[in-house]
Protein backbone atom coordinates (compact mmCIF):
# COMPACT_ATOMS: atom_id res chain seq x y z
CA MET A 1 -43.75 -34.95 14.73
CA LYS A 2 -44.98 -31.47 15.48
CA ARG A 3 -41.64 -30.62 17.12
CA LEU A 4 -39.79 -32.00 14.08
CA PHE A 5 -41.89 -29.82 11.75
CA VAL A 6 -41.24 -26.70 13.83
CA ALA A 7 -37.50 -27.49 13.94
CA ALA A 8 -37.40 -28.05 10.18
CA LEU A 9 -39.27 -24.79 9.59
CA ALA A 10 -36.87 -22.90 11.84
CA LEU A 11 -33.90 -24.46 10.04
CA ALA A 12 -35.33 -23.52 6.67
CA MET A 13 -35.83 -19.92 7.82
CA GLY A 14 -32.31 -19.84 9.24
CA LEU A 15 -30.91 -20.98 5.91
CA GLY A 16 -32.94 -18.45 4.00
CA ILE A 17 -35.13 -21.10 2.40
CA SER A 18 -38.79 -20.20 1.97
CA ALA A 19 -41.26 -22.42 3.81
CA GLY A 20 -42.70 -23.48 0.48
CA ALA A 21 -39.36 -24.60 -0.98
CA ARG A 22 -38.61 -28.31 -1.23
CA ALA A 23 -35.21 -29.11 0.25
CA ASP A 24 -33.25 -32.20 -0.77
CA ILE A 25 -34.08 -35.49 0.94
CA LYS A 26 -31.06 -36.64 2.93
CA ILE A 27 -30.08 -40.29 3.10
CA ALA A 28 -26.86 -41.94 4.22
CA SER A 29 -24.74 -44.96 3.41
CA ILE A 30 -22.42 -46.05 6.19
CA GLY A 31 -19.68 -48.65 6.16
CA PRO A 32 -15.93 -49.13 6.64
CA MET A 33 -14.64 -46.36 4.40
CA THR A 34 -11.28 -46.66 6.17
CA GLY A 35 -9.47 -49.48 7.94
CA GLN A 36 -8.69 -53.03 6.93
CA TYR A 37 -12.18 -53.64 5.52
CA ALA A 38 -12.26 -50.44 3.46
CA THR A 39 -12.69 -52.48 0.27
CA PHE A 40 -16.27 -53.11 1.39
CA GLY A 41 -16.77 -49.44 2.20
CA ALA A 42 -15.72 -48.73 -1.38
CA GLN A 43 -18.38 -51.19 -2.56
CA PHE A 44 -21.01 -49.39 -0.49
CA LYS A 45 -19.87 -45.99 -1.80
CA ALA A 46 -19.98 -47.10 -5.44
CA GLY A 47 -23.43 -48.66 -5.12
CA ALA A 48 -24.91 -45.76 -3.16
CA GLU A 49 -23.54 -43.04 -5.43
CA MET A 50 -24.79 -44.74 -8.58
CA ALA A 51 -28.23 -45.40 -7.06
CA VAL A 52 -28.65 -41.79 -5.96
CA ALA A 53 -27.40 -40.45 -9.30
CA ASP A 54 -29.88 -42.67 -11.14
CA LEU A 55 -32.76 -41.64 -8.88
CA ASN A 56 -31.95 -37.94 -9.29
CA LYS A 57 -31.64 -38.31 -13.05
CA ALA A 58 -35.14 -39.81 -13.07
CA GLY A 59 -36.56 -36.94 -11.03
CA GLY A 60 -35.64 -37.95 -7.50
CA VAL A 61 -38.11 -39.32 -4.97
CA LEU A 62 -41.53 -37.70 -4.80
CA GLY A 63 -40.16 -34.96 -7.03
CA GLN A 64 -37.32 -34.10 -4.65
CA LYS A 65 -33.60 -34.60 -5.22
CA ILE A 66 -31.71 -37.01 -3.01
CA GLN A 67 -28.62 -35.88 -1.12
CA LEU A 68 -26.25 -38.71 -0.16
CA ILE A 69 -24.17 -38.52 3.00
CA LEU A 70 -21.37 -41.09 3.36
CA GLY A 71 -20.37 -42.23 6.84
CA ASP A 72 -17.31 -44.16 8.01
CA ASP A 73 -17.65 -46.60 10.90
CA ALA A 74 -14.39 -48.51 10.19
CA CYS A 75 -16.31 -51.62 11.35
CA ASP A 76 -15.89 -50.38 14.92
CA PRO A 77 -19.02 -50.59 17.15
CA LYS A 78 -18.33 -47.36 19.05
CA GLN A 79 -17.56 -45.44 15.87
CA ALA A 80 -20.71 -46.90 14.31
CA VAL A 81 -22.87 -45.49 17.10
CA ALA A 82 -21.11 -42.12 16.85
CA VAL A 83 -21.60 -41.84 13.09
CA ALA A 84 -25.22 -43.03 13.44
CA ASN A 85 -25.91 -40.18 15.84
CA LYS A 86 -24.10 -37.78 13.53
CA VAL A 87 -26.16 -38.57 10.44
CA VAL A 88 -29.38 -38.49 12.45
CA GLY A 89 -28.38 -35.01 13.54
CA GLN A 90 -27.86 -34.10 9.89
CA GLY A 91 -31.48 -34.95 9.17
CA VAL A 92 -31.30 -38.22 7.24
CA VAL A 93 -34.51 -40.22 6.87
CA PHE A 94 -32.87 -43.46 5.74
CA VAL A 95 -29.55 -45.29 6.17
CA ALA A 96 -28.19 -47.95 3.80
CA GLY A 97 -25.78 -49.63 6.19
CA HIS A 98 -23.82 -50.85 7.95
CA PHE A 99 -21.45 -53.55 6.65
CA CYS A 100 -20.15 -55.38 9.73
CA SER A 101 -22.85 -56.91 11.91
CA GLY A 102 -20.89 -55.70 14.93
CA SER A 103 -21.55 -52.16 13.69
CA SER A 104 -25.07 -52.59 12.33
CA ILE A 105 -26.49 -54.02 15.55
CA PRO A 106 -25.49 -51.22 17.97
CA ALA A 107 -26.18 -48.54 15.36
CA SER A 108 -29.67 -49.97 14.81
CA LYS A 109 -30.56 -48.99 18.38
CA VAL A 110 -29.86 -45.36 17.50
CA TYR A 111 -32.00 -45.56 14.37
CA GLU A 112 -34.81 -47.29 16.25
CA GLU A 113 -34.82 -44.61 18.95
CA GLU A 114 -34.84 -41.83 16.35
CA GLY A 115 -37.32 -43.54 14.02
CA ILE A 116 -34.93 -43.79 11.04
CA VAL A 117 -35.24 -46.54 8.43
CA GLN A 118 -32.19 -48.82 8.24
CA ILE A 119 -31.61 -51.32 5.43
CA SER A 120 -28.30 -53.17 5.62
CA PRO A 121 -26.84 -54.38 2.34
CA ALA A 122 -24.48 -56.82 4.04
CA SER A 123 -24.92 -57.51 7.77
CA THR A 124 -25.80 -61.19 8.12
CA ASN A 125 -25.92 -61.84 11.87
CA PRO A 126 -29.47 -63.04 12.73
CA LYS A 127 -29.65 -60.74 15.77
CA LEU A 128 -29.90 -57.68 13.52
CA THR A 129 -33.46 -58.43 12.46
CA ASP A 130 -34.38 -60.90 15.20
CA GLU A 131 -33.85 -58.27 17.88
CA GLY A 132 -34.03 -55.07 15.83
CA GLY A 133 -36.98 -52.72 15.77
CA PRO A 134 -39.63 -52.40 13.05
CA ASN A 135 -37.34 -49.93 11.25
CA VAL A 136 -34.59 -52.51 10.61
CA PHE A 137 -34.30 -54.45 7.34
CA ARG A 138 -31.61 -56.07 5.19
CA VAL A 139 -31.34 -57.10 1.55
CA CYS A 140 -28.76 -59.84 2.16
CA GLY A 141 -29.14 -63.28 3.73
CA ARG A 142 -28.60 -64.43 7.31
CA ASP A 143 -25.82 -66.43 8.93
CA ASP A 144 -28.19 -69.20 9.94
CA GLN A 145 -29.07 -69.56 6.24
CA GLN A 146 -25.45 -69.27 5.15
CA GLY A 147 -24.24 -71.58 7.91
CA SER A 148 -26.87 -74.15 7.01
CA VAL A 149 -25.64 -74.29 3.41
CA ALA A 150 -21.98 -74.36 4.47
CA GLY A 151 -22.45 -76.96 7.21
CA LYS A 152 -24.35 -79.41 5.02
CA TYR A 153 -21.79 -78.99 2.24
CA LEU A 154 -18.88 -79.66 4.60
CA ALA A 155 -20.58 -82.75 6.05
CA THR A 156 -21.28 -84.16 2.59
CA LYS A 157 -18.28 -83.08 0.53
CA PHE A 158 -15.68 -83.70 3.23
CA LYS A 159 -17.32 -86.44 5.30
CA ASP A 160 -14.07 -88.42 5.58
CA LYS A 161 -11.83 -85.41 6.23
CA ARG A 162 -10.64 -83.73 9.41
CA ILE A 163 -12.37 -80.35 9.62
CA ALA A 164 -11.42 -77.42 11.83
CA ILE A 165 -13.72 -74.43 12.39
CA PHE A 166 -12.23 -71.13 13.59
CA HIS A 167 -13.66 -67.62 13.94
CA ASP A 168 -12.37 -64.09 14.55
CA LYS A 169 -14.56 -63.39 17.64
CA THR A 170 -16.63 -60.73 15.82
CA ALA A 171 -20.44 -60.78 15.71
CA TYR A 172 -20.23 -61.83 12.07
CA GLY A 173 -17.39 -64.33 12.24
CA LYS A 174 -18.39 -66.06 15.48
CA GLY A 175 -22.04 -66.23 14.47
CA LEU A 176 -21.25 -67.71 11.08
CA ALA A 177 -18.83 -70.27 12.49
CA GLU A 178 -21.32 -71.40 15.14
CA GLU A 179 -24.17 -71.71 12.66
CA THR A 180 -21.94 -73.69 10.28
CA ARG A 181 -20.84 -76.03 13.07
CA LYS A 182 -24.44 -76.53 14.18
CA ALA A 183 -25.55 -77.48 10.66
CA MET A 184 -22.53 -79.70 10.07
CA ASN A 185 -23.08 -81.54 13.35
CA ALA A 186 -26.78 -81.97 12.55
CA ALA A 187 -25.75 -83.53 9.24
CA GLY A 188 -23.68 -86.11 11.12
CA LYS A 189 -20.18 -84.63 10.91
CA LYS A 190 -18.15 -83.65 14.00
CA GLU A 191 -15.35 -81.12 13.77
CA ALA A 192 -11.82 -82.08 14.80
CA MET A 193 -11.14 -78.57 16.19
CA PHE A 194 -13.13 -75.46 17.04
CA GLY A 195 -11.50 -72.23 18.16
CA ALA A 196 -10.81 -68.55 17.65
CA TYR A 197 -8.10 -66.27 16.31
CA THR A 198 -7.48 -62.56 16.71
CA ALA A 199 -8.38 -60.30 13.82
CA GLY A 200 -5.89 -57.70 12.68
CA GLU A 201 -2.71 -59.69 13.25
CA LYS A 202 -0.13 -60.33 10.54
CA ASP A 203 1.43 -63.55 11.80
CA TYR A 204 -0.77 -66.63 12.15
CA THR A 205 2.11 -69.10 12.35
CA ALA A 206 0.96 -70.44 15.71
CA LEU A 207 -2.54 -71.18 14.40
CA VAL A 208 -1.18 -72.74 11.21
CA SER A 209 1.25 -74.92 13.19
CA LYS A 210 -1.62 -76.10 15.38
CA LEU A 211 -3.67 -77.02 12.32
CA LYS A 212 -0.71 -78.85 10.81
CA LYS A 213 -0.05 -80.79 14.02
CA ASN A 214 -3.70 -81.91 14.12
CA LYS A 215 -3.57 -82.96 10.45
CA ILE A 216 -6.47 -80.73 9.44
CA ASP A 217 -7.71 -81.34 5.88
CA VAL A 218 -10.32 -78.59 5.75
CA LEU A 219 -10.32 -75.24 7.55
CA TYR A 220 -13.59 -73.32 7.81
CA LEU A 221 -13.07 -69.67 8.78
CA GLY A 222 -15.73 -67.37 10.15
CA GLY A 223 -14.10 -64.02 9.47
CA TYR A 224 -12.96 -61.49 6.91
CA HIS A 225 -10.85 -61.67 3.77
CA THR A 226 -7.75 -59.98 5.19
CA GLU A 227 -7.07 -62.61 7.84
CA ALA A 228 -8.30 -65.47 5.64
CA GLY A 229 -5.84 -64.42 2.94
CA LEU A 230 -2.92 -64.34 5.34
CA ILE A 231 -3.84 -67.67 6.90
CA VAL A 232 -4.11 -69.53 3.60
CA ARG A 233 -0.84 -67.98 2.41
CA GLN A 234 0.92 -69.05 5.60
CA MET A 235 -0.55 -72.56 5.35
CA ARG A 236 0.89 -72.91 1.86
CA ALA A 237 4.24 -71.59 3.09
CA GLN A 238 4.30 -74.50 5.57
CA GLY A 239 3.54 -76.96 2.78
CA MET A 240 -0.08 -77.52 3.84
CA LYS A 241 -2.66 -78.38 1.19
CA THR A 242 -5.55 -77.80 3.58
CA GLN A 243 -8.75 -76.68 1.84
CA LEU A 244 -9.91 -73.23 2.96
CA VAL A 245 -13.67 -72.62 3.16
CA SER A 246 -15.24 -69.37 4.33
CA GLY A 247 -18.21 -67.03 3.95
CA ASP A 248 -19.36 -63.96 2.06
CA ALA A 249 -16.69 -61.65 3.52
CA LEU A 250 -14.34 -63.00 0.84
CA VAL A 251 -16.31 -61.42 -2.03
CA THR A 252 -13.68 -58.87 -2.97
CA ASP A 253 -10.82 -58.96 -5.45
CA GLU A 254 -8.63 -57.78 -2.60
CA TYR A 255 -8.70 -61.33 -1.26
CA TRP A 256 -6.66 -62.51 -4.25
CA SER A 257 -4.38 -59.50 -3.93
CA ILE A 258 -3.43 -60.85 -0.51
CA THR A 259 -3.20 -64.54 -1.40
CA GLY A 260 -1.89 -64.63 -4.93
CA ASP A 261 -1.79 -68.20 -6.19
CA ALA A 262 -2.15 -69.46 -2.59
CA GLY A 263 -5.83 -68.57 -2.86
CA GLU A 264 -6.42 -71.00 -5.73
CA GLY A 265 -9.35 -73.27 -4.96
CA THR A 266 -10.65 -71.35 -1.93
CA LEU A 267 -14.35 -72.03 -1.41
CA MET A 268 -16.85 -69.52 -0.04
CA THR A 269 -20.57 -69.00 0.33
CA PHE A 270 -22.34 -65.94 -1.06
CA SER A 271 -25.81 -65.07 -2.26
CA PRO A 272 -26.45 -65.73 -5.96
CA ASP A 273 -24.22 -63.23 -7.78
CA PRO A 274 -26.50 -60.34 -8.86
CA ARG A 275 -24.18 -59.68 -11.80
CA ALA A 276 -25.85 -62.70 -13.42
CA ASN A 277 -29.28 -61.10 -13.05
CA PRO A 278 -30.53 -59.81 -16.45
CA ALA A 279 -32.36 -56.99 -14.64
CA ALA A 280 -28.98 -55.62 -13.55
CA ALA A 281 -27.31 -55.72 -16.98
CA GLU A 282 -27.80 -52.05 -17.86
CA VAL A 283 -26.62 -50.82 -14.46
CA ILE A 284 -23.62 -53.16 -14.53
CA LYS A 285 -22.65 -51.83 -17.95
CA ARG A 286 -22.63 -48.28 -16.59
CA PHE A 287 -20.56 -49.30 -13.55
CA ARG A 288 -17.97 -50.91 -15.80
CA ALA A 289 -17.93 -47.87 -18.07
CA LYS A 290 -16.85 -45.91 -15.00
CA GLY A 291 -14.09 -48.44 -14.28
CA ILE A 292 -15.98 -50.02 -11.35
CA GLU A 293 -16.52 -53.76 -11.15
CA PRO A 294 -19.82 -54.17 -9.24
CA GLU A 295 -18.60 -57.12 -7.15
CA GLY A 296 -19.66 -58.15 -3.67
CA TYR A 297 -22.07 -55.69 -2.09
CA VAL A 298 -22.07 -52.92 -4.72
CA LEU A 299 -25.40 -54.01 -6.19
CA TYR A 300 -26.82 -54.88 -2.77
CA THR A 301 -26.24 -51.28 -1.68
CA TYR A 302 -27.85 -50.05 -4.89
CA ALA A 303 -30.81 -52.37 -4.21
CA ALA A 304 -31.21 -51.18 -0.61
CA ILE A 305 -31.64 -47.62 -1.86
CA GLN A 306 -33.98 -48.78 -4.62
CA ALA A 307 -36.19 -50.55 -2.07
CA TRP A 308 -36.37 -47.48 0.17
CA ALA A 309 -37.17 -45.21 -2.80
CA GLN A 310 -39.92 -47.53 -4.07
CA ALA A 311 -41.42 -47.69 -0.58
CA ALA A 312 -41.32 -43.90 -0.23
CA GLU A 313 -43.08 -43.49 -3.58
CA LYS A 314 -45.78 -45.95 -2.54
CA ALA A 315 -46.16 -44.24 0.85
CA GLY A 316 -46.30 -40.84 -0.83
CA SER A 317 -43.94 -39.63 1.88
CA VAL A 318 -40.42 -40.04 3.27
CA ASP A 319 -41.84 -40.06 6.79
CA PRO A 320 -40.18 -43.19 8.25
CA ALA A 321 -43.35 -44.54 9.84
CA LYS A 322 -45.17 -44.44 6.50
CA VAL A 323 -42.16 -45.83 4.62
CA ILE A 324 -41.85 -48.73 7.09
CA LYS A 325 -45.50 -49.61 6.46
CA ALA A 326 -44.80 -49.69 2.72
CA LEU A 327 -41.62 -51.72 3.17
CA ASN A 328 -43.67 -54.36 4.94
CA SER A 329 -46.43 -54.52 2.35
CA MET A 330 -44.96 -54.49 -1.15
CA GLU A 331 -42.73 -56.32 -3.59
CA PHE A 332 -39.56 -54.61 -4.77
CA ASP A 333 -38.10 -54.74 -8.26
CA THR A 334 -34.34 -54.24 -7.91
CA VAL A 335 -30.96 -55.03 -9.44
CA ILE A 336 -30.68 -58.09 -7.18
CA GLY A 337 -34.11 -59.36 -8.20
CA LYS A 338 -37.68 -59.12 -7.01
CA PHE A 339 -38.33 -59.71 -3.31
CA ARG A 340 -40.49 -58.95 -0.30
CA PHE A 341 -39.47 -58.47 3.31
CA ASP A 342 -40.77 -60.95 5.87
CA LYS A 343 -42.05 -60.00 9.31
CA LYS A 344 -38.51 -59.73 10.66
CA GLY A 345 -37.25 -57.55 7.83
CA ASP A 346 -35.37 -60.25 5.91
CA PRO A 347 -35.77 -60.63 2.11
CA ASN A 348 -37.20 -63.74 0.43
CA LEU A 349 -34.29 -63.94 -2.00
CA PRO A 350 -32.74 -67.21 -3.31
CA PRO A 351 -30.52 -69.16 -0.87
CA TYR A 352 -26.76 -69.04 -0.56
CA ALA A 353 -24.55 -70.81 -3.07
CA PHE A 354 -20.93 -71.97 -3.13
CA TYR A 355 -18.21 -70.20 -5.10
CA ARG A 356 -14.63 -71.15 -5.94
CA TRP A 357 -11.70 -68.77 -6.32
CA SER A 358 -9.51 -69.51 -9.33
CA LYS A 359 -6.95 -67.38 -11.16
CA GLY A 360 -7.98 -64.23 -9.36
CA LYS A 361 -11.76 -64.51 -9.84
CA TYR A 362 -14.60 -66.22 -8.03
CA ALA A 363 -17.39 -68.11 -9.79
CA GLN A 364 -20.42 -70.05 -8.60
CA ILE A 365 -20.08 -73.83 -8.59
CA THR A 366 -22.67 -76.59 -8.72
CA ASN A 367 -20.83 -79.35 -6.84
């Protein structure tokens, strides 16, 4: 810490800032700002920018303004590590990110080594907090929770149907598919097929033909909205009425942009939609006034920054070690609801629910 203070003092002198001046507090939000999952990066950006603007309007954190740095990992593990090192070098004390579990997990090692607080708004793979350091948290659920809900639903709702489970080989997709299969099997239902597909392709005719040959009634996909959209569209093109079921990576209007009417009836799991939370009403109104629909992980990113800010205020410092202590000992009041972090860094928020896509929108269902 002494070395950090000396370095900060030298930097301040080099920039012509007096030692008594209070520089902005730097934080970052990192996600796929480019690439095929850029829609989620846009959600992160919208949530982070609004959260920081609101904090600064209210006086900042501990009387200091917040400076937001946006980082692009493109959901690529190597790029995630590179951008993690970059923002650490820029002096951030907190990172709201990443989106893909395959990015969050390797990046978390950088943050752990450098003592930086990480709160992911969206990474659901259990390994993130199971194996992460004391600096790692998330405000979303876990794939073992999501898979449990999905697996039990599949076993009950489609007990007499032929179910196939496929994943895209990513940390998120594979983990979710395996957890769903485990829960479905435990509930007494055996899958007819289990396999993988390659993310990023445009033609899934071979997979669709295989599903058709095996007379699959229900396809569960562990993967992202881009491939899911193409697969369901290509199933319909082959005359298949197979029910598509997937996870929280479908919570973007871009899914319907890919599927069109072929996406009608798609089922997915997601945390309870924070847009229904009365505590978020005023913030949602301001998002919409700016032409932004706070879907998916917009409000989760906002909440991650809220939690960090509330912890810093309680700690009376942005020193990560003190903030981590506060994060582990308090309840947070955020746009996604009130919650505490458990010993692993997971929130005690309500469980996952099922949603149905219809006419271009998704809505929570009760059966």
